[in-house]
Amino acid sequence: MTRIQASIQAATKQVVGELGVAKASVAAIMAVVGTRRQTFYAYYPDKYAAITAVTSADLQAAVVGCTDYVHWPKMVTHIVDTLAENRTFYAQLVGAEGSLPPTQNLQKQVMGLVESVLSQLAGYFGIAVPKAYGEFIEAVIPTALTAELARWLKDPEPRSAGMEAAFIITFLDGTIAGFQKTEPEFARVMS
């Protein structure tokens, strides 16, 4: 990433955090950067692409070295810490009206992480996951997690990041435990 891209991403966080997604503009972002508006377009086609780049960079940085089954609780903690450190930006993003590409991207990234961890879990424990159950989990968990994170980010008196991470880890741990316990039941029901 170039220095100007990093400046644009930092300014995007600031402007979206202060104004919200709808009112944030390329002109406002570039005013913070202190460079011509046209420079923005050399890197991003629109503000949504810049917002998506910010969320992607944040999540990638948060999960470095902990995207496997063994380290998934650490991954959750890092993601929640990242959201907490950038609360104003992410609260605006998840509070935006409609289904914006950056919000969809954030959900897609969470789903990708969940899929990766569950896939590794299945391989680690030698569990055969029926396709229908895999699709169910892929639909429910990311939706539930993003809804809870949105609620937490917008809460005027949120619980600590550590407590939020602990709640999410407990929720996912219960899902994983159920996943392990129910394999014989899947074989019976799905046959």
N, C-alpha and C. Protein backbone atom coordinates (compact mmCIF):
# COMPACT_ATOMS: atom_id res chain seq x y z
N MET A 1 0.85 -1.17 0.00
CA MET A 1 0.00 0.00 0.00
C MET A 1 0.90 1.24 0.00
N THR A 2 0.55 2.19 -0.83
CA THR A 2 1.35 3.42 -0.88
C THR A 2 0.99 4.34 0.28
N ARG A 3 1.83 5.34 0.48
CA ARG A 3 1.58 6.31 1.54
C ARG A 3 0.27 7.04 1.29
N ILE A 4 -0.01 7.40 0.04
CA ILE A 4 -1.25 8.13 -0.27
C ILE A 4 -2.47 7.23 -0.04
N GLN A 5 -2.37 5.93 -0.39
CA GLN A 5 -3.48 5.02 -0.12
C GLN A 5 -3.74 4.92 1.39
N ALA A 6 -2.68 4.82 2.16
CA ALA A 6 -2.83 4.77 3.62
C ALA A 6 -3.47 6.04 4.14
N SER A 7 -3.09 7.18 3.57
CA SER A 7 -3.69 8.46 3.98
C SER A 7 -5.16 8.52 3.61
N ILE A 8 -5.49 8.03 2.42
CA ILE A 8 -6.90 8.03 1.98
C ILE A 8 -7.71 7.11 2.89
N GLN A 9 -7.17 5.94 3.23
CA GLN A 9 -7.91 5.02 4.10
C GLN A 9 -8.10 5.61 5.50
N ALA A 10 -7.08 6.24 6.04
CA ALA A 10 -7.21 6.87 7.36
C ALA A 10 -8.24 8.00 7.32
N ALA A 11 -8.20 8.79 6.26
CA ALA A 11 -9.17 9.89 6.11
C ALA A 11 -10.58 9.34 5.91
N THR A 12 -10.71 8.23 5.19
CA THR A 12 -12.01 7.61 4.99
C THR A 12 -12.60 7.19 6.33
N LYS A 13 -11.78 6.56 7.18
CA LYS A 13 -12.25 6.19 8.52
C LYS A 13 -12.73 7.42 9.29
N GLN A 14 -11.94 8.47 9.25
CA GLN A 14 -12.27 9.69 9.99
C GLN A 14 -13.57 10.32 9.47
N VAL A 15 -13.67 10.50 8.17
CA VAL A 15 -14.84 11.18 7.59
C VAL A 15 -16.11 10.34 7.76
N VAL A 16 -16.03 9.06 7.49
CA VAL A 16 -17.21 8.20 7.68
C VAL A 16 -17.60 8.16 9.15
N GLY A 17 -16.62 8.10 10.04
CA GLY A 17 -16.90 8.11 11.47
C GLY A 17 -17.60 9.38 11.92
N GLU A 18 -17.21 10.50 11.34
CA GLU A 18 -17.80 11.79 11.73
C GLU A 18 -19.12 12.09 11.03
N LEU A 19 -19.22 11.77 9.73
CA LEU A 19 -20.38 12.17 8.93
C LEU A 19 -21.35 11.05 8.61
N GLY A 20 -20.90 9.82 8.72
CA GLY A 20 -21.72 8.69 8.28
C GLY A 20 -21.44 8.39 6.83
N VAL A 21 -21.89 7.22 6.38
CA VAL A 21 -21.61 6.78 5.02
C VAL A 21 -22.31 7.67 4.00
N ALA A 22 -23.56 7.99 4.22
CA ALA A 22 -24.32 8.76 3.24
C ALA A 22 -23.74 10.15 3.01
N LYS A 23 -23.30 10.81 4.07
CA LYS A 23 -22.81 12.18 3.94
C LYS A 23 -21.32 12.27 3.65
N ALA A 24 -20.61 11.19 3.82
CA ALA A 24 -19.17 11.19 3.50
C ALA A 24 -19.02 11.35 1.99
N SER A 25 -18.10 12.18 1.59
CA SER A 25 -17.87 12.39 0.17
C SER A 25 -16.38 12.28 -0.14
N VAL A 26 -16.10 12.06 -1.40
CA VAL A 26 -14.70 12.01 -1.82
C VAL A 26 -14.04 13.35 -1.54
N ALA A 27 -14.77 14.45 -1.76
CA ALA A 27 -14.22 15.78 -1.50
C ALA A 27 -13.85 15.94 -0.02
N ALA A 28 -14.71 15.46 0.87
CA ALA A 28 -14.44 15.56 2.31
C ALA A 28 -13.24 14.70 2.70
N ILE A 29 -13.17 13.51 2.12
CA ILE A 29 -12.04 12.62 2.41
C ILE A 29 -10.74 13.26 1.96
N MET A 30 -10.73 13.79 0.75
CA MET A 30 -9.50 14.36 0.20
C MET A 30 -9.14 15.69 0.86
N ALA A 31 -10.13 16.38 1.43
CA ALA A 31 -9.82 17.59 2.20
C ALA A 31 -9.00 17.22 3.44
N VAL A 32 -9.34 16.09 4.05
CA VAL A 32 -8.57 15.63 5.21
C VAL A 32 -7.16 15.21 4.78
N VAL A 33 -7.07 14.54 3.64
CA VAL A 33 -5.77 14.10 3.13
C VAL A 33 -4.93 15.32 2.73
N GLY A 34 -5.60 16.36 2.23
CA GLY A 34 -4.89 17.55 1.79
C GLY A 34 -4.36 17.45 0.37
N THR A 35 -5.06 16.66 -0.43
CA THR A 35 -4.66 16.44 -1.82
C THR A 35 -5.89 16.61 -2.72
N ARG A 36 -5.63 16.78 -4.00
CA ARG A 36 -6.72 16.96 -4.97
C ARG A 36 -7.67 15.76 -4.97
N ARG A 37 -8.92 16.05 -5.24
CA ARG A 37 -9.93 15.00 -5.34
C ARG A 37 -9.59 13.98 -6.41
N GLN A 38 -9.01 14.41 -7.51
CA GLN A 38 -8.67 13.51 -8.62
C GLN A 38 -7.68 12.42 -8.19
N THR A 39 -6.85 12.71 -7.18
CA THR A 39 -5.89 11.72 -6.69
C THR A 39 -6.62 10.51 -6.12
N PHE A 40 -7.74 10.75 -5.48
CA PHE A 40 -8.55 9.66 -4.92
C PHE A 40 -8.87 8.64 -6.01
N TYR A 41 -9.29 9.12 -7.18
CA TYR A 41 -9.75 8.25 -8.26
C TYR A 41 -8.63 7.45 -8.91
N ALA A 42 -7.40 7.81 -8.64
CA ALA A 42 -6.28 7.00 -9.11
C ALA A 42 -6.19 5.69 -8.32
N TYR A 43 -6.83 5.67 -7.14
CA TYR A 43 -6.76 4.50 -6.27
C TYR A 43 -8.10 3.79 -6.09
N TYR A 44 -9.18 4.55 -6.07
CA TYR A 44 -10.51 3.97 -5.80
C TYR A 44 -11.54 4.58 -6.75
N PRO A 45 -12.46 3.77 -7.26
CA PRO A 45 -13.48 4.31 -8.16
C PRO A 45 -14.55 5.15 -7.45
N ASP A 46 -14.77 4.88 -6.16
CA ASP A 46 -15.77 5.64 -5.40
C ASP A 46 -15.52 5.45 -3.90
N LYS A 47 -16.31 6.14 -3.09
CA LYS A 47 -16.10 6.07 -1.64
C LYS A 47 -16.36 4.67 -1.10
N TYR A 48 -17.26 3.93 -1.74
CA TYR A 48 -17.56 2.58 -1.26
C TYR A 48 -16.36 1.66 -1.42
N ALA A 49 -15.62 1.83 -2.50
CA ALA A 49 -14.41 1.03 -2.70
C ALA A 49 -13.36 1.37 -1.64
N ALA A 50 -13.26 2.64 -1.28
CA ALA A 50 -12.31 3.04 -0.22
C ALA A 50 -12.74 2.46 1.12
N ILE A 51 -14.03 2.50 1.41
CA ILE A 51 -14.54 1.94 2.67
C ILE A 51 -14.28 0.44 2.71
N THR A 52 -14.52 -0.25 1.60
CA THR A 52 -14.27 -1.68 1.51
C THR A 52 -12.79 -1.98 1.72
N ALA A 53 -11.93 -1.16 1.15
CA ALA A 53 -10.48 -1.34 1.33
C ALA A 53 -10.11 -1.20 2.81
N VAL A 54 -10.74 -0.24 3.50
CA VAL A 54 -10.47 -0.05 4.93
C VAL A 54 -10.89 -1.28 5.72
N THR A 55 -12.10 -1.78 5.49
CA THR A 55 -12.57 -2.94 6.25
C THR A 55 -11.73 -4.17 5.95
N SER A 56 -11.37 -4.34 4.68
CA SER A 56 -10.53 -5.49 4.31
C SER A 56 -9.17 -5.41 4.99
N ALA A 57 -8.55 -4.25 4.95
CA ALA A 57 -7.23 -4.08 5.58
C ALA A 57 -7.31 -4.30 7.08
N ASP A 58 -8.35 -3.76 7.72
CA ASP A 58 -8.50 -3.93 9.16
C ASP A 58 -8.66 -5.41 9.53
N LEU A 59 -9.54 -6.11 8.82
CA LEU A 59 -9.78 -7.52 9.15
C LEU A 59 -8.55 -8.37 8.84
N GLN A 60 -7.89 -8.11 7.74
CA GLN A 60 -6.68 -8.86 7.42
C GLN A 60 -5.62 -8.66 8.50
N ALA A 61 -5.45 -7.44 8.95
CA ALA A 61 -4.47 -7.17 10.01
C ALA A 61 -4.88 -7.84 11.32
N ALA A 62 -6.17 -7.88 11.60
CA ALA A 62 -6.65 -8.46 12.86
C ALA A 62 -6.47 -9.97 12.93
N VAL A 63 -6.51 -10.65 11.79
CA VAL A 63 -6.51 -12.11 11.81
C VAL A 63 -5.17 -12.73 11.43
N VAL A 64 -4.15 -11.91 11.23
CA VAL A 64 -2.83 -12.44 10.86
C VAL A 64 -2.39 -13.48 11.90
N GLY A 65 -2.09 -14.66 11.41
CA GLY A 65 -1.56 -15.71 12.28
C GLY A 65 -2.57 -16.43 13.14
N CYS A 66 -3.86 -16.14 12.96
CA CYS A 66 -4.83 -16.83 13.84
C CYS A 66 -6.10 -17.23 13.10
N THR A 67 -5.98 -17.64 11.85
CA THR A 67 -7.17 -18.03 11.09
C THR A 67 -7.38 -19.54 11.05
N ASP A 68 -6.69 -20.27 11.89
CA ASP A 68 -6.90 -21.71 11.91
C ASP A 68 -7.76 -22.10 13.11
N TYR A 69 -8.17 -23.36 13.12
CA TYR A 69 -9.07 -23.83 14.16
C TYR A 69 -8.49 -23.63 15.55
N VAL A 70 -7.21 -23.89 15.71
CA VAL A 70 -6.58 -23.81 17.03
C VAL A 70 -6.62 -22.39 17.60
N HIS A 71 -6.47 -21.39 16.74
CA HIS A 71 -6.35 -20.00 17.21
C HIS A 71 -7.61 -19.15 17.00
N TRP A 72 -8.75 -19.76 16.67
CA TRP A 72 -9.92 -18.95 16.36
C TRP A 72 -10.36 -18.03 17.50
N PRO A 73 -10.23 -18.41 18.78
CA PRO A 73 -10.63 -17.46 19.83
C PRO A 73 -9.76 -16.18 19.81
N LYS A 74 -8.49 -16.35 19.52
CA LYS A 74 -7.59 -15.20 19.39
C LYS A 74 -8.03 -14.32 18.22
N MET A 75 -8.45 -14.95 17.12
CA MET A 75 -8.94 -14.21 15.95
C MET A 75 -10.16 -13.37 16.34
N VAL A 76 -11.10 -13.98 17.05
CA VAL A 76 -12.30 -13.24 17.47
C VAL A 76 -11.91 -12.05 18.34
N THR A 77 -11.01 -12.26 19.28
CA THR A 77 -10.56 -11.18 20.16
C THR A 77 -9.92 -10.05 19.36
N HIS A 78 -9.08 -10.40 18.41
CA HIS A 78 -8.42 -9.37 17.59
C HIS A 78 -9.44 -8.58 16.74
N ILE A 79 -10.41 -9.28 16.19
CA ILE A 79 -11.43 -8.59 15.38
C ILE A 79 -12.24 -7.63 16.25
N VAL A 80 -12.68 -8.10 17.41
CA VAL A 80 -13.47 -7.24 18.30
C VAL A 80 -12.63 -6.05 18.77
N ASP A 81 -11.37 -6.28 19.08
CA ASP A 81 -10.48 -5.18 19.47
C ASP A 81 -10.35 -4.15 18.34
N THR A 82 -10.21 -4.63 17.11
CA THR A 82 -10.10 -3.74 15.95
C THR A 82 -11.37 -2.91 15.79
N LEU A 83 -12.52 -3.55 15.93
CA LEU A 83 -13.79 -2.82 15.83
C LEU A 83 -13.90 -1.77 16.95
N ALA A 84 -13.48 -2.15 18.16
CA ALA A 84 -13.55 -1.22 19.29
C ALA A 84 -12.62 -0.03 19.07
N GLU A 85 -11.43 -0.29 18.56
CA GLU A 85 -10.47 0.79 18.32
C GLU A 85 -10.96 1.77 17.24
N ASN A 86 -11.82 1.29 16.38
CA ASN A 86 -12.35 2.11 15.27
C ASN A 86 -13.87 2.19 15.37
N ARG A 87 -14.37 2.27 16.60
CA ARG A 87 -15.81 2.21 16.88
C ARG A 87 -16.63 3.21 16.07
N THR A 88 -16.21 4.46 16.00
CA THR A 88 -17.04 5.46 15.31
C THR A 88 -17.21 5.11 13.83
N PHE A 89 -16.14 4.66 13.20
CA PHE A 89 -16.20 4.26 11.79
C PHE A 89 -17.14 3.07 11.61
N TYR A 90 -16.92 2.00 12.37
CA TYR A 90 -17.71 0.79 12.19
C TYR A 90 -19.15 0.96 12.64
N ALA A 91 -19.40 1.78 13.64
CA ALA A 91 -20.79 2.05 14.05
C ALA A 91 -21.54 2.73 12.92
N GLN A 92 -20.89 3.67 12.25
CA GLN A 92 -21.52 4.34 11.10
C GLN A 92 -21.73 3.35 9.95
N LEU A 93 -20.76 2.50 9.75
CA LEU A 93 -20.85 1.55 8.64
C LEU A 93 -21.99 0.56 8.84
N VAL A 94 -22.07 -0.04 10.02
CA VAL A 94 -23.13 -1.03 10.26
C VAL A 94 -24.49 -0.37 10.47
N GLY A 95 -24.48 0.93 10.78
CA GLY A 95 -25.74 1.65 10.97
C GLY A 95 -26.28 2.27 9.70
N ALA A 96 -25.55 2.13 8.58
CA ALA A 96 -25.96 2.74 7.32
C ALA A 96 -27.24 2.09 6.81
N GLU A 97 -28.06 2.92 6.21
CA GLU A 97 -29.32 2.43 5.64
C GLU A 97 -29.04 1.59 4.40
N GLY A 98 -29.85 0.59 4.21
CA GLY A 98 -29.73 -0.21 3.00
C GLY A 98 -28.61 -1.22 3.08
N SER A 99 -28.42 -1.91 2.00
CA SER A 99 -27.39 -2.93 1.93
C SER A 99 -26.25 -2.41 1.07
N LEU A 100 -25.32 -1.71 1.71
CA LEU A 100 -24.21 -1.10 1.00
C LEU A 100 -23.12 -2.13 0.71
N PRO A 101 -22.40 -1.95 -0.40
CA PRO A 101 -21.31 -2.88 -0.70
C PRO A 101 -20.31 -3.06 0.44
N PRO A 102 -19.88 -1.99 1.15
CA PRO A 102 -18.92 -2.22 2.24
C PRO A 102 -19.49 -3.09 3.37
N THR A 103 -20.78 -2.92 3.66
CA THR A 103 -21.42 -3.73 4.70
C THR A 103 -21.51 -5.18 4.22
N GLN A 104 -21.88 -5.36 2.96
CA GLN A 104 -21.94 -6.71 2.39
C GLN A 104 -20.56 -7.35 2.41
N ASN A 105 -19.54 -6.57 2.10
CA ASN A 105 -18.18 -7.08 2.11
C ASN A 105 -17.77 -7.52 3.51
N LEU A 106 -18.12 -6.71 4.51
CA LEU A 106 -17.80 -7.05 5.89
C LEU A 106 -18.46 -8.38 6.27
N GLN A 107 -19.74 -8.54 5.91
CA GLN A 107 -20.44 -9.79 6.20
C GLN A 107 -19.79 -10.96 5.46
N LYS A 108 -19.40 -10.73 4.21
CA LYS A 108 -18.76 -11.76 3.41
C LYS A 108 -17.42 -12.18 4.02
N GLN A 109 -16.68 -11.21 4.52
CA GLN A 109 -15.40 -11.53 5.15
C GLN A 109 -15.59 -12.33 6.44
N VAL A 110 -16.59 -11.96 7.24
CA VAL A 110 -16.89 -12.72 8.46
C VAL A 110 -17.29 -14.14 8.08
N MET A 111 -18.12 -14.27 7.04
CA MET A 111 -18.56 -15.59 6.60
C MET A 111 -17.36 -16.41 6.14
N GLY A 112 -16.44 -15.80 5.42
CA GLY A 112 -15.25 -16.51 4.95
C GLY A 112 -14.41 -17.03 6.11
N LEU A 113 -14.27 -16.21 7.15
CA LEU A 113 -13.51 -16.64 8.33
C LEU A 113 -14.21 -17.80 9.03
N VAL A 114 -15.53 -17.69 9.19
CA VAL A 114 -16.30 -18.76 9.83
C VAL A 114 -16.18 -20.05 9.02
N GLU A 115 -16.34 -19.95 7.71
CA GLU A 115 -16.22 -21.13 6.84
C GLU A 115 -14.85 -21.78 6.99
N SER A 116 -13.82 -20.96 7.00
CA SER A 116 -12.46 -21.47 7.12
C SER A 116 -12.26 -22.24 8.42
N VAL A 117 -12.70 -21.64 9.52
CA VAL A 117 -12.54 -22.28 10.83
C VAL A 117 -13.36 -23.57 10.90
N LEU A 118 -14.61 -23.53 10.44
CA LEU A 118 -15.44 -24.74 10.51
C LEU A 118 -14.93 -25.84 9.58
N SER A 119 -14.42 -25.46 8.44
CA SER A 119 -13.84 -26.44 7.53
C SER A 119 -12.63 -27.11 8.16
N GLN A 120 -11.78 -26.31 8.80
CA GLN A 120 -10.61 -26.87 9.48
C GLN A 120 -11.03 -27.75 10.65
N LEU A 121 -12.07 -27.32 11.35
CA LEU A 121 -12.59 -28.11 12.47
C LEU A 121 -13.05 -29.48 11.98
N ALA A 122 -13.81 -29.48 10.90
CA ALA A 122 -14.31 -30.74 10.35
C ALA A 122 -13.15 -31.65 9.97
N GLY A 123 -12.13 -31.08 9.33
CA GLY A 123 -10.97 -31.87 8.95
C GLY A 123 -10.19 -32.37 10.16
N TYR A 124 -10.03 -31.51 11.15
CA TYR A 124 -9.27 -31.84 12.36
C TYR A 124 -9.90 -33.01 13.11
N PHE A 125 -11.24 -32.97 13.23
CA PHE A 125 -11.93 -34.01 13.98
C PHE A 125 -12.48 -35.13 13.08
N GLY A 126 -12.24 -35.02 11.76
CA GLY A 126 -12.73 -36.04 10.85
C GLY A 126 -14.24 -36.10 10.78
N ILE A 127 -14.88 -34.95 10.85
CA ILE A 127 -16.34 -34.89 10.84
C ILE A 127 -16.82 -34.64 9.41
N ALA A 128 -17.77 -35.45 8.97
CA ALA A 128 -18.38 -35.24 7.66
C ALA A 128 -19.59 -34.33 7.87
N VAL A 129 -19.53 -33.14 7.33
CA VAL A 129 -20.61 -32.17 7.51
C VAL A 129 -21.54 -32.24 6.31
N PRO A 130 -22.80 -32.57 6.54
CA PRO A 130 -23.75 -32.58 5.43
C PRO A 130 -23.84 -31.18 4.80
N LYS A 131 -23.98 -31.16 3.49
CA LYS A 131 -24.01 -29.90 2.75
C LYS A 131 -25.11 -28.97 3.30
N ALA A 132 -26.27 -29.51 3.57
CA ALA A 132 -27.39 -28.69 4.05
C ALA A 132 -27.07 -28.02 5.38
N TYR A 133 -26.38 -28.76 6.28
CA TYR A 133 -26.02 -28.16 7.57
C TYR A 133 -24.93 -27.11 7.39
N GLY A 134 -23.99 -27.39 6.53
CA GLY A 134 -22.95 -26.41 6.24
C GLY A 134 -23.55 -25.11 5.71
N GLU A 135 -24.52 -25.21 4.82
CA GLU A 135 -25.19 -24.02 4.29
C GLU A 135 -25.96 -23.29 5.39
N PHE A 136 -26.58 -24.06 6.27
CA PHE A 136 -27.32 -23.46 7.40
C PHE A 136 -26.37 -22.65 8.27
N ILE A 137 -25.25 -23.26 8.66
CA ILE A 137 -24.28 -22.58 9.52
C ILE A 137 -23.72 -21.34 8.82
N GLU A 138 -23.40 -21.46 7.53
CA GLU A 138 -22.84 -20.34 6.78
C GLU A 138 -23.83 -19.18 6.68
N ALA A 139 -25.12 -19.48 6.72
CA ALA A 139 -26.12 -18.41 6.66
C ALA A 139 -26.39 -17.81 8.04
N VAL A 140 -26.45 -18.64 9.06
CA VAL A 140 -26.86 -18.18 10.38
C VAL A 140 -25.75 -17.48 11.15
N ILE A 141 -24.59 -18.08 11.23
CA ILE A 141 -23.54 -17.52 12.09
C ILE A 141 -23.09 -16.13 11.63
N PRO A 142 -22.71 -15.93 10.38
CA PRO A 142 -22.29 -14.57 10.00
C PRO A 142 -23.39 -13.53 10.20
N THR A 143 -24.64 -13.91 9.91
CA THR A 143 -25.75 -12.98 10.09
C THR A 143 -25.92 -12.64 11.57
N ALA A 144 -25.88 -13.66 12.41
CA ALA A 144 -26.01 -13.44 13.86
C ALA A 144 -24.85 -12.61 14.40
N LEU A 145 -23.63 -12.94 13.96
CA LEU A 145 -22.46 -12.20 14.45
C LEU A 145 -22.48 -10.75 14.00
N THR A 146 -22.78 -10.50 12.74
CA THR A 146 -22.78 -9.11 12.28
C THR A 146 -23.91 -8.32 12.93
N ALA A 147 -25.05 -8.96 13.18
CA ALA A 147 -26.15 -8.26 13.88
C ALA A 147 -25.75 -7.92 15.31
N GLU A 148 -25.11 -8.84 15.99
CA GLU A 148 -24.68 -8.58 17.37
C GLU A 148 -23.58 -7.52 17.41
N LEU A 149 -22.63 -7.60 16.49
CA LEU A 149 -21.57 -6.60 16.46
C LEU A 149 -22.14 -5.22 16.14
N ALA A 150 -23.12 -5.15 15.26
CA ALA A 150 -23.77 -3.87 14.94
C ALA A 150 -24.45 -3.31 16.19
N ARG A 151 -25.17 -4.17 16.92
CA ARG A 151 -25.84 -3.73 18.13
C ARG A 151 -24.81 -3.21 19.14
N TRP A 152 -23.72 -3.95 19.32
CA TRP A 152 -22.67 -3.57 20.27
C TRP A 152 -21.99 -2.27 19.86
N LEU A 153 -21.69 -2.12 18.58
CA LEU A 153 -21.01 -0.91 18.11
C LEU A 153 -21.87 0.34 18.28
N LYS A 154 -23.19 0.18 18.15
CA LYS A 154 -24.09 1.33 18.24
C LYS A 154 -24.58 1.60 19.66
N ASP A 155 -24.30 0.69 20.57
CA ASP A 155 -24.74 0.85 21.96
C ASP A 155 -24.05 2.07 22.58
N PRO A 156 -24.82 3.01 23.16
CA PRO A 156 -24.19 4.19 23.76
C PRO A 156 -23.34 3.86 25.00
N GLU A 157 -23.64 2.75 25.63
CA GLU A 157 -22.84 2.30 26.78
C GLU A 157 -22.48 0.83 26.59
N PRO A 158 -21.59 0.56 25.64
CA PRO A 158 -21.28 -0.83 25.30
C PRO A 158 -20.45 -1.53 26.38
N ARG A 159 -20.62 -2.83 26.44
CA ARG A 159 -19.74 -3.61 27.32
C ARG A 159 -18.33 -3.55 26.73
N SER A 160 -17.36 -3.94 27.49
CA SER A 160 -15.96 -3.86 27.05
C SER A 160 -15.73 -4.79 25.86
N ALA A 161 -14.69 -4.48 25.10
CA ALA A 161 -14.32 -5.34 23.96
C ALA A 161 -14.01 -6.74 24.45
N GLY A 162 -13.33 -6.85 25.59
CA GLY A 162 -13.00 -8.16 26.14
C GLY A 162 -14.23 -8.99 26.45
N MET A 163 -15.24 -8.34 27.02
CA MET A 163 -16.47 -9.06 27.36
C MET A 163 -17.23 -9.43 26.08
N GLU A 164 -17.28 -8.52 25.12
CA GLU A 164 -17.96 -8.82 23.85
C GLU A 164 -17.29 -10.01 23.17
N ALA A 165 -15.96 -9.99 23.13
CA ALA A 165 -15.23 -11.11 22.53
C ALA A 165 -15.51 -12.41 23.28
N ALA A 166 -15.55 -12.35 24.60
CA ALA A 166 -15.83 -13.55 25.40
C ALA A 166 -17.22 -14.10 25.10
N PHE A 167 -18.20 -13.21 24.94
CA PHE A 167 -19.56 -13.66 24.60
C PHE A 167 -19.59 -14.33 23.23
N ILE A 168 -18.92 -13.73 22.27
CA ILE A 168 -18.90 -14.30 20.92
C ILE A 168 -18.16 -15.64 20.92
N ILE A 169 -17.06 -15.70 21.63
CA ILE A 169 -16.30 -16.96 21.71
C ILE A 169 -17.16 -18.05 22.34
N THR A 170 -17.90 -17.72 23.39
CA THR A 170 -18.77 -18.69 24.04
C THR A 170 -19.86 -19.16 23.08
N PHE A 171 -20.45 -18.23 22.33
CA PHE A 171 -21.48 -18.56 21.34
C PHE A 171 -20.91 -19.52 20.29
N LEU A 172 -19.75 -19.16 19.74
CA LEU A 172 -19.15 -20.00 18.71
C LEU A 172 -18.67 -21.34 19.26
N ASP A 173 -18.17 -21.31 20.48
CA ASP A 173 -17.72 -22.55 21.11
C ASP A 173 -18.89 -23.51 21.28
N GLY A 174 -20.05 -22.97 21.66
CA GLY A 174 -21.24 -23.81 21.77
C GLY A 174 -21.65 -24.38 20.43
N THR A 175 -21.51 -23.57 19.39
CA THR A 175 -21.83 -24.04 18.04
C THR A 175 -20.88 -25.16 17.64
N ILE A 176 -19.60 -24.97 17.94
CA ILE A 176 -18.59 -25.98 17.59
C ILE A 176 -18.83 -27.26 18.39
N ALA A 177 -19.15 -27.12 19.68
CA ALA A 177 -19.42 -28.30 20.50
C ALA A 177 -20.64 -29.05 19.95
N GLY A 178 -21.65 -28.32 19.57
CA GLY A 178 -22.84 -28.95 18.98
C GLY A 178 -22.51 -29.63 17.67
N PHE A 179 -21.66 -28.99 16.91
CA PHE A 179 -21.19 -29.51 15.63
C PHE A 179 -20.53 -30.88 15.84
N GLN A 180 -19.69 -30.98 16.87
CA GLN A 180 -18.98 -32.22 17.16
C GLN A 180 -19.92 -33.30 17.69
N LYS A 181 -20.87 -32.91 18.53
CA LYS A 181 -21.76 -33.88 19.17
C LYS A 181 -22.81 -34.43 18.23
N THR A 182 -23.19 -33.65 17.24
CA THR A 182 -24.35 -34.03 16.45
C THR A 182 -24.02 -34.78 15.17
N GLU A 183 -22.76 -35.07 14.91
CA GLU A 183 -22.44 -35.79 13.67
C GLU A 183 -23.23 -37.08 13.55
N PRO A 184 -23.31 -37.92 14.59
CA PRO A 184 -24.10 -39.16 14.46
C PRO A 184 -25.58 -38.84 14.17
N GLU A 185 -26.09 -37.77 14.78
CA GLU A 185 -27.49 -37.38 14.54
C GLU A 185 -27.69 -36.97 13.08
N PHE A 186 -26.71 -36.27 12.51
CA PHE A 186 -26.80 -35.88 11.10
C PHE A 186 -26.91 -37.12 10.22
N ALA A 187 -26.10 -38.10 10.53
CA ALA A 187 -26.11 -39.32 9.71
C ALA A 187 -27.50 -39.95 9.73
N ARG A 188 -28.14 -39.95 10.89
CA ARG A 188 -29.47 -40.54 11.03
C ARG A 188 -30.53 -39.70 10.30
N VAL A 189 -30.52 -38.40 10.54
CA VAL A 189 -31.57 -37.52 9.99
C VAL A 189 -31.42 -37.32 8.49
N MET A 190 -30.18 -37.19 8.02
CA MET A 190 -29.95 -36.86 6.62
C MET A 190 -30.04 -38.08 5.70
N SER A 191 -30.12 -39.27 6.27
CA SER A 191 -30.17 -40.46 5.42
C SER A 191 -31.57 -40.81 5.01
